[in-house]
Amino acid sequence: MRLKGALAIFVKTPEFSQVKTRLAAGIGQEGALLFYKQALEATAAFSRQVKTELVDLDVVWAVAEEQALKSDRWKEFGSVFQGEGGLGQRLHTVYTELLSRYDYVAFIGADSPHISSNEILKALLLTKKWRSEKFVIGETFDGGFYFFGGGLHLPKSVWTNVEYSSERTSQQLELELKKFGEIEKVEKNFDIDTIEDLQSLSQCKTGLLPEQTRLIEWARAIK
């Protein structure tokens, strides 16, 4: 039996919403916008690469603004609306909608554009393997998560009982998930919310995809 999976990339549309406000406090709104646009390109590039290696995977943009769903920015993979409400409500909306059409579903954002396609592929393959027993989590060093994958249906409370943008976010999510299945973790990484995170990006290895290398080199030029 061929199993179909979905990789949803949670995004905002720069033409409709302010992006990376915490990063903008350090490098200005113009710099933060430039970062985000490049991060979208890098995230699309490694997602495209993963899709070539996992042929039964669909990539989809999970877009924050309903009026932006038909934007040319999202035409490559197609888009779904995150829905209304807080982040927990929106995660639930997208997970539930996609799981009605796919055997397993994974989430990433555009905040970790330096992650290699091999790392994401590994996490997706684990999600596919353990879809009916376990959830896959990629934690960030600040207490959040950059990857989630699962195939088990979940009540909304699993998502809404979590405090997001907190050093306890991943821990709280894992506690909720453990009520329904075991947890499989992949390698920790970081996401980019502040100028300090941008400095971490500048220290990343190159030798990734061209879009990722360009972003890392751009980060190195930021003073």
C-alpha atoms as a PDB file:
ATOM      1  CA  MET A   1       0.000   0.000   0.000  1.00  0.00           C
ATOM      2  CA  ARG A   2       1.385   3.387  -0.995  1.00  0.00           C
ATOM      3  CA  LEU A   3       1.138   5.887   1.827  1.00  0.00           C
ATOM      4  CA  LYS A   4       0.574   9.536   1.044  1.00  0.00           C
ATOM      5  CA  GLY A   5       2.032  12.229   3.254  1.00  0.00           C
ATOM      6  CA  ALA A   6       1.751  16.008   3.492  1.00  0.00           C
ATOM      7  CA  LEU A   7       4.427  18.477   4.558  1.00  0.00           C
ATOM      8  CA  ALA A   8       2.769  21.745   5.584  1.00  0.00           C
ATOM      9  CA  ILE A   9       4.951  24.868   5.793  1.00  0.00           C
ATOM     10  CA  PHE A  10       3.399  27.452   8.127  1.00  0.00           C
ATOM     11  CA  VAL A  11       3.924  30.930   6.687  1.00  0.00           C
ATOM     12  CA  LYS A  12       2.778  34.517   6.635  1.00  0.00           C
ATOM     13  CA  THR A  13       2.471  36.438   3.391  1.00  0.00           C
ATOM     14  CA  PRO A  14       4.856  39.432   3.453  1.00  0.00           C
ATOM     15  CA  GLU A  15       2.527  41.500   1.251  1.00  0.00           C
ATOM     16  CA  PHE A  16      -0.312  41.058   3.776  1.00  0.00           C
ATOM     17  CA  SER A  17       1.269  40.751   7.233  1.00  0.00           C
ATOM     18  CA  GLN A  18       4.197  42.060   9.221  1.00  0.00           C
ATOM     19  CA  VAL A  19       6.840  39.344   9.562  1.00  0.00           C
ATOM     20  CA  LYS A  20       9.673  38.563  11.994  1.00  0.00           C
ATOM     21  CA  THR A  21       8.887  41.387  14.428  1.00  0.00           C
ATOM     22  CA  ARG A  22      11.433  40.243  17.020  1.00  0.00           C
ATOM     23  CA  LEU A  23      14.138  40.060  14.381  1.00  0.00           C
ATOM     24  CA  ALA A  24      13.093  43.492  13.095  1.00  0.00           C
ATOM     25  CA  ALA A  25      13.835  44.926  16.539  1.00  0.00           C
ATOM     26  CA  GLY A  26      17.475  44.008  15.951  1.00  0.00           C
ATOM     27  CA  ILE A  27      18.009  44.648  12.235  1.00  0.00           C
ATOM     28  CA  GLY A  28      15.070  46.816  11.215  1.00  0.00           C
ATOM     29  CA  GLN A  29      11.863  45.986   9.345  1.00  0.00           C
ATOM     30  CA  GLU A  30      13.514  46.108   5.925  1.00  0.00           C
ATOM     31  CA  GLY A  31      16.225  43.672   7.012  1.00  0.00           C
ATOM     32  CA  ALA A  32      13.711  41.334   8.632  1.00  0.00           C
ATOM     33  CA  LEU A  33      11.573  41.357   5.479  1.00  0.00           C
ATOM     34  CA  LEU A  34      14.607  40.588   3.335  1.00  0.00           C
ATOM     35  CA  PHE A  35      15.522  37.725   5.653  1.00  0.00           C
ATOM     36  CA  TYR A  36      12.020  36.280   5.523  1.00  0.00           C
ATOM     37  CA  LYS A  37      11.767  36.370   1.741  1.00  0.00           C
ATOM     38  CA  GLN A  38      15.103  34.575   1.455  1.00  0.00           C
ATOM     39  CA  ALA A  39      14.053  32.109   4.151  1.00  0.00           C
ATOM     40  CA  LEU A  40      10.930  31.287   2.140  1.00  0.00           C
ATOM     41  CA  GLU A  41      13.093  30.602  -0.922  1.00  0.00           C
ATOM     42  CA  ALA A  42      15.466  28.381   1.071  1.00  0.00           C
ATOM     43  CA  THR A  43      12.608  26.485   2.719  1.00  0.00           C
ATOM     44  CA  ALA A  44      10.951  25.933  -0.656  1.00  0.00           C
ATOM     45  CA  ALA A  45      14.261  24.697  -2.069  1.00  0.00           C
ATOM     46  CA  PHE A  46      14.865  22.018   0.555  1.00  0.00           C
ATOM     47  CA  SER A  47      11.189  21.014   0.495  1.00  0.00           C
ATOM     48  CA  ARG A  48      11.430  20.629  -3.269  1.00  0.00           C
ATOM     49  CA  GLN A  49      14.491  18.438  -2.806  1.00  0.00           C
ATOM     50  CA  VAL A  50      12.734  16.278  -0.217  1.00  0.00           C
ATOM     51  CA  LYS A  51       9.750  15.872  -2.526  1.00  0.00           C
ATOM     52  CA  THR A  52      11.993  14.446  -5.264  1.00  0.00           C
ATOM     53  CA  GLU A  53      13.207  11.773  -2.827  1.00  0.00           C
ATOM     54  CA  LEU A  54       9.836  10.989  -1.228  1.00  0.00           C
ATOM     55  CA  VAL A  55       7.590  10.758  -4.236  1.00  0.00           C
ATOM     56  CA  ASP A  56       4.349  10.153  -2.336  1.00  0.00           C
ATOM     57  CA  LEU A  57       4.756  13.415  -0.423  1.00  0.00           C
ATOM     58  CA  ASP A  58       2.805  16.577  -1.175  1.00  0.00           C
ATOM     59  CA  VAL A  59       4.189  19.902   0.024  1.00  0.00           C
ATOM     60  CA  VAL A  60       1.689  22.637   0.854  1.00  0.00           C
ATOM     61  CA  TRP A  61       1.953  26.166   2.181  1.00  0.00           C
ATOM     62  CA  ALA A  62      -0.214  26.702   5.280  1.00  0.00           C
ATOM     63  CA  VAL A  63      -0.985  30.391   4.842  1.00  0.00           C
ATOM     64  CA  ALA A  64      -2.014  32.727   7.652  1.00  0.00           C
ATOM     65  CA  GLU A  65      -4.155  35.057   5.524  1.00  0.00           C
ATOM     66  CA  GLU A  66      -7.192  33.731   3.687  1.00  0.00           C
ATOM     67  CA  GLN A  67      -7.049  36.548   1.138  1.00  0.00           C
ATOM     68  CA  ALA A  68      -3.503  35.511   0.187  1.00  0.00           C
ATOM     69  CA  LEU A  69      -4.248  31.882  -0.669  1.00  0.00           C
ATOM     70  CA  LYS A  70      -4.189  32.583  -4.401  1.00  0.00           C
ATOM     71  CA  SER A  71      -1.069  34.728  -4.256  1.00  0.00           C
ATOM     72  CA  ASP A  72       1.568  33.900  -6.855  1.00  0.00           C
ATOM     73  CA  ARG A  73       3.992  33.501  -3.953  1.00  0.00           C
ATOM     74  CA  TRP A  74       2.348  30.182  -3.006  1.00  0.00           C
ATOM     75  CA  LYS A  75       1.563  28.773  -6.448  1.00  0.00           C
ATOM     76  CA  GLU A  76       4.382  26.204  -6.610  1.00  0.00           C
ATOM     77  CA  PHE A  77       3.067  23.876  -3.906  1.00  0.00           C
ATOM     78  CA  GLY A  78      -0.471  25.114  -3.485  1.00  0.00           C
ATOM     79  CA  SER A  79      -1.908  26.403  -0.235  1.00  0.00           C
ATOM     80  CA  VAL A  80      -4.325  25.814   2.613  1.00  0.00           C
ATOM     81  CA  PHE A  81      -5.697  28.388   5.025  1.00  0.00           C
ATOM     82  CA  GLN A  82      -4.511  28.127   8.622  1.00  0.00           C
ATOM     83  CA  GLY A  83      -7.885  29.245   9.856  1.00  0.00           C
ATOM     84  CA  GLU A  84      -8.752  31.668  12.629  1.00  0.00           C
ATOM     85  CA  GLY A  85      -7.639  31.816  16.248  1.00  0.00           C
ATOM     86  CA  GLY A  86      -4.392  31.363  18.109  1.00  0.00           C
ATOM     87  CA  LEU A  87      -1.533  29.170  16.953  1.00  0.00           C
ATOM     88  CA  GLY A  88      -2.870  26.097  18.727  1.00  0.00           C
ATOM     89  CA  GLN A  89      -6.245  26.442  17.027  1.00  0.00           C
ATOM     90  CA  ARG A  90      -4.557  26.931  13.645  1.00  0.00           C
ATOM     91  CA  LEU A  91      -2.270  23.916  14.079  1.00  0.00           C
ATOM     92  CA  HIS A  92      -5.326  21.833  14.902  1.00  0.00           C
ATOM     93  CA  THR A  93      -7.208  23.147  11.868  1.00  0.00           C
ATOM     94  CA  VAL A  94      -4.436  22.316   9.412  1.00  0.00           C
ATOM     95  CA  TYR A  95      -3.575  18.957  10.981  1.00  0.00           C
ATOM     96  CA  THR A  96      -7.189  17.820  11.005  1.00  0.00           C
ATOM     97  CA  GLU A  97      -7.881  18.967   7.453  1.00  0.00           C
ATOM     98  CA  LEU A  98      -4.764  17.364   5.986  1.00  0.00           C
ATOM     99  CA  LEU A  99      -5.105  14.141   7.975  1.00  0.00           C
ATOM    100  CA  SER A 100      -8.523  13.656   6.409  1.00  0.00           C
ATOM    101  CA  ARG A 101      -6.731  13.364   3.038  1.00  0.00           C
ATOM    102  CA  TYR A 102      -3.312  11.932   3.903  1.00  0.00           C
ATOM    103  CA  ASP A 103      -1.890   9.017   5.868  1.00  0.00           C
ATOM    104  CA  TYR A 104       0.529  11.228   7.791  1.00  0.00           C
ATOM    105  CA  VAL A 105       1.128  14.951   8.186  1.00  0.00           C
ATOM    106  CA  ALA A 106       4.204  16.983   9.104  1.00  0.00           C
ATOM    107  CA  PHE A 107       4.657  20.640  10.013  1.00  0.00           C
ATOM    108  CA  ILE A 108       7.587  23.000   9.610  1.00  0.00           C
ATOM    109  CA  GLY A 109       7.880  26.770   9.459  1.00  0.00           C
ATOM    110  CA  ALA A 110      10.111  29.072   7.432  1.00  0.00           C
ATOM    111  CA  ASP A 111      12.111  29.929  10.564  1.00  0.00           C
ATOM    112  CA  SER A 112      14.782  27.236  10.162  1.00  0.00           C
ATOM    113  CA  PRO A 113      15.833  27.674   6.526  1.00  0.00           C
ATOM    114  CA  HIS A 114      19.317  26.273   7.193  1.00  0.00           C
ATOM    115  CA  ILE A 115      18.151  22.708   7.895  1.00  0.00           C
ATOM    116  CA  SER A 116      19.379  20.213   5.341  1.00  0.00           C
ATOM    117  CA  SER A 117      16.951  18.314   3.158  1.00  0.00           C
ATOM    118  CA  ASN A 118      18.458  15.100   4.539  1.00  0.00           C
ATOM    119  CA  GLU A 119      17.410  16.027   8.080  1.00  0.00           C
ATOM    120  CA  ILE A 120      13.850  16.788   7.011  1.00  0.00           C
ATOM    121  CA  LEU A 121      13.731  13.627   4.917  1.00  0.00           C
ATOM    122  CA  LYS A 122      14.850  11.566   7.920  1.00  0.00           C
ATOM    123  CA  ALA A 123      12.114  13.108  10.085  1.00  0.00           C
ATOM    124  CA  LEU A 124       9.481  12.483   7.410  1.00  0.00           C
ATOM    125  CA  LEU A 125      10.510   8.860   6.965  1.00  0.00           C
ATOM    126  CA  LEU A 126      10.216   8.346  10.726  1.00  0.00           C
ATOM    127  CA  THR A 127       6.784   9.950  10.653  1.00  0.00           C
ATOM    128  CA  LYS A 128       5.733   7.646   7.838  1.00  0.00           C
ATOM    129  CA  LYS A 129       7.097   4.584   9.655  1.00  0.00           C
ATOM    130  CA  TRP A 130       5.534   5.350  13.052  1.00  0.00           C
ATOM    131  CA  ARG A 131       2.394   7.166  11.861  1.00  0.00           C
ATOM    132  CA  SER A 132      -0.005   4.889  13.778  1.00  0.00           C
ATOM    133  CA  GLU A 133       2.052   4.634  16.979  1.00  0.00           C
ATOM    134  CA  LYS A 134       4.306   7.640  17.533  1.00  0.00           C
ATOM    135  CA  PHE A 135       4.705  11.347  16.932  1.00  0.00           C
ATOM    136  CA  VAL A 136       7.969  12.824  15.683  1.00  0.00           C
ATOM    137  CA  ILE A 137       9.314  16.035  17.199  1.00  0.00           C
ATOM    138  CA  GLY A 138      12.301  18.170  16.265  1.00  0.00           C
ATOM    139  CA  GLU A 139      12.972  20.472  19.219  1.00  0.00           C
ATOM    140  CA  THR A 140      14.643  23.871  19.133  1.00  0.00           C
ATOM    141  CA  PHE A 141      17.209  24.956  21.686  1.00  0.00           C
ATOM    142  CA  ASP A 142      14.923  27.737  22.961  1.00  0.00           C
ATOM    143  CA  GLY A 143      12.211  25.268  23.993  1.00  0.00           C
ATOM    144  CA  GLY A 144      10.081  25.262  20.866  1.00  0.00           C
ATOM    145  CA  PHE A 145       9.951  22.856  17.948  1.00  0.00           C
ATOM    146  CA  TYR A 146      10.851  23.123  14.273  1.00  0.00           C
ATOM    147  CA  PHE A 147       9.309  19.817  13.134  1.00  0.00           C
ATOM    148  CA  PHE A 148       6.191  17.880  14.042  1.00  0.00           C
ATOM    149  CA  GLY A 149       4.950  14.731  12.362  1.00  0.00           C
ATOM    150  CA  GLY A 150       2.114  12.331  13.067  1.00  0.00           C
ATOM    151  CA  GLY A 151      -0.657  10.174  11.676  1.00  0.00           C
ATOM    152  CA  LEU A 152      -2.952   9.784  14.685  1.00  0.00           C
ATOM    153  CA  HIS A 153      -6.052  11.915  15.037  1.00  0.00           C
ATOM    154  CA  LEU A 154      -5.906  14.373  17.933  1.00  0.00           C
ATOM    155  CA  PRO A 155      -8.443  16.485  19.811  1.00  0.00           C
ATOM    156  CA  LYS A 156      -8.102  20.246  19.610  1.00  0.00           C
ATOM    157  CA  SER A 157      -7.072  20.422  23.279  1.00  0.00           C
ATOM    158  CA  VAL A 158      -3.705  18.804  22.497  1.00  0.00           C
ATOM    159  CA  TRP A 159      -2.791  21.910  20.521  1.00  0.00           C
ATOM    160  CA  THR A 160      -4.594  24.576  22.514  1.00  0.00           C
ATOM    161  CA  ASN A 161      -3.304  23.465  25.930  1.00  0.00           C
ATOM    162  CA  VAL A 162       0.221  24.466  24.870  1.00  0.00           C
ATOM    163  CA  GLU A 163       1.832  27.837  25.600  1.00  0.00           C
ATOM    164  CA  TYR A 164       3.577  28.869  22.399  1.00  0.00           C
ATOM    165  CA  SER A 165       6.699  31.054  22.045  1.00  0.00           C
ATOM    166  CA  SER A 166       7.794  29.764  25.441  1.00  0.00           C
ATOM    167  CA  GLU A 167      10.768  27.798  26.711  1.00  0.00           C
ATOM    168  CA  ARG A 168       8.198  25.145  27.725  1.00  0.00           C
ATOM    169  CA  THR A 169       6.405  24.856  24.363  1.00  0.00           C
ATOM    170  CA  SER A 170       7.917  21.562  23.208  1.00  0.00           C
ATOM    171  CA  GLN A 171       7.738  20.037  26.679  1.00  0.00           C
ATOM    172  CA  GLN A 172       4.049  20.889  27.005  1.00  0.00           C
ATOM    173  CA  LEU A 173       3.232  19.609  23.532  1.00  0.00           C
ATOM    174  CA  GLU A 174       5.015  16.333  24.209  1.00  0.00           C
ATOM    175  CA  LEU A 175       3.083  15.856  27.453  1.00  0.00           C
ATOM    176  CA  GLU A 176      -0.178  16.309  25.558  1.00  0.00           C
ATOM    177  CA  LEU A 177       0.887  14.015  22.726  1.00  0.00           C
ATOM    178  CA  LYS A 178       1.947  11.238  25.103  1.00  0.00           C
ATOM    179  CA  LYS A 179      -1.708  10.736  26.001  1.00  0.00           C
ATOM    180  CA  PHE A 180      -2.200   9.369  22.473  1.00  0.00           C
ATOM    181  CA  GLY A 181       1.134   7.889  21.411  1.00  0.00           C
ATOM    182  CA  GLU A 182       4.849   7.709  22.041  1.00  0.00           C
ATOM    183  CA  ILE A 183       7.359  10.388  21.032  1.00  0.00           C
ATOM    184  CA  GLU A 184      10.246   9.920  18.608  1.00  0.00           C
ATOM    185  CA  LYS A 185      12.747  12.783  18.576  1.00  0.00           C
ATOM    186  CA  VAL A 186      15.083  13.922  15.844  1.00  0.00           C
ATOM    187  CA  GLU A 187      18.139  16.114  16.220  1.00  0.00           C
ATOM    188  CA  LYS A 188      17.716  19.455  17.969  1.00  0.00           C
ATOM    189  CA  ASN A 189      18.231  22.613  15.965  1.00  0.00           C
ATOM    190  CA  PHE A 190      17.456  26.314  16.184  1.00  0.00           C
ATOM    191  CA  ASP A 191      15.034  28.688  14.576  1.00  0.00           C
ATOM    192  CA  ILE A 192      15.588  32.341  13.802  1.00  0.00           C
ATOM    193  CA  ASP A 193      13.592  34.845  15.817  1.00  0.00           C
ATOM    194  CA  THR A 194      16.212  37.359  17.001  1.00  0.00           C
ATOM    195  CA  ILE A 195      19.455  38.951  15.872  1.00  0.00           C
ATOM    196  CA  GLU A 196      21.305  36.492  18.116  1.00  0.00           C
ATOM    197  CA  ASP A 197      19.740  33.636  16.145  1.00  0.00           C
ATOM    198  CA  LEU A 198      20.857  35.348  12.956  1.00  0.00           C
ATOM    199  CA  GLN A 199      24.403  35.246  14.274  1.00  0.00           C
ATOM    200  CA  SER A 200      24.016  31.493  14.779  1.00  0.00           C
ATOM    201  CA  LEU A 201      22.852  31.238  11.168  1.00  0.00           C
ATOM    202  CA  SER A 202      25.971  33.053  10.005  1.00  0.00           C
ATOM    203  CA  GLN A 203      28.084  30.320  11.606  1.00  0.00           C
ATOM    204  CA  CYS A 204      26.317  27.486   9.787  1.00  0.00           C
ATOM    205  CA  LYS A 205      28.152  25.349   7.315  1.00  0.00           C
ATOM    206  CA  THR A 206      27.651  26.070   3.672  1.00  0.00           C
ATOM    207  CA  GLY A 207      27.598  23.296   1.101  1.00  0.00           C
ATOM    208  CA  LEU A 208      23.810  23.146   1.378  1.00  0.00           C
ATOM    209  CA  LEU A 209      21.448  24.092  -1.434  1.00  0.00           C
ATOM    210  CA  PRO A 210      22.290  27.354  -3.252  1.00  0.00           C
ATOM    211  CA  GLU A 211      19.324  29.197  -1.722  1.00  0.00           C
ATOM    212  CA  GLN A 212      20.470  28.184   1.766  1.00  0.00           C
ATOM    213  CA  THR A 213      24.084  29.127   1.089  1.00  0.00           C
ATOM    214  CA  ARG A 214      23.044  32.571  -0.169  1.00  0.00           C
ATOM    215  CA  LEU A 215      21.044  33.165   3.005  1.00  0.00           C
ATOM    216  CA  ILE A 216      23.925  32.091   5.251  1.00  0.00           C
ATOM    217  CA  GLU A 217      26.322  34.376   3.369  1.00  0.00           C
ATOM    218  CA  TRP A 218      23.825  37.225   3.680  1.00  0.00           C
ATOM    219  CA  ALA A 219      23.641  36.627   7.436  1.00  0.00           C
ATOM    220  CA  ARG A 220      27.435  36.807   7.642  1.00  0.00           C
ATOM    221  CA  ALA A 221      27.325  40.288   6.133  1.00  0.00           C
ATOM    222  CA  ILE A 222      24.891  41.588   8.774  1.00  0.00           C
ATOM    223  CA  LYS A 223      26.652  43.762  11.379  1.00  0.00           C
END
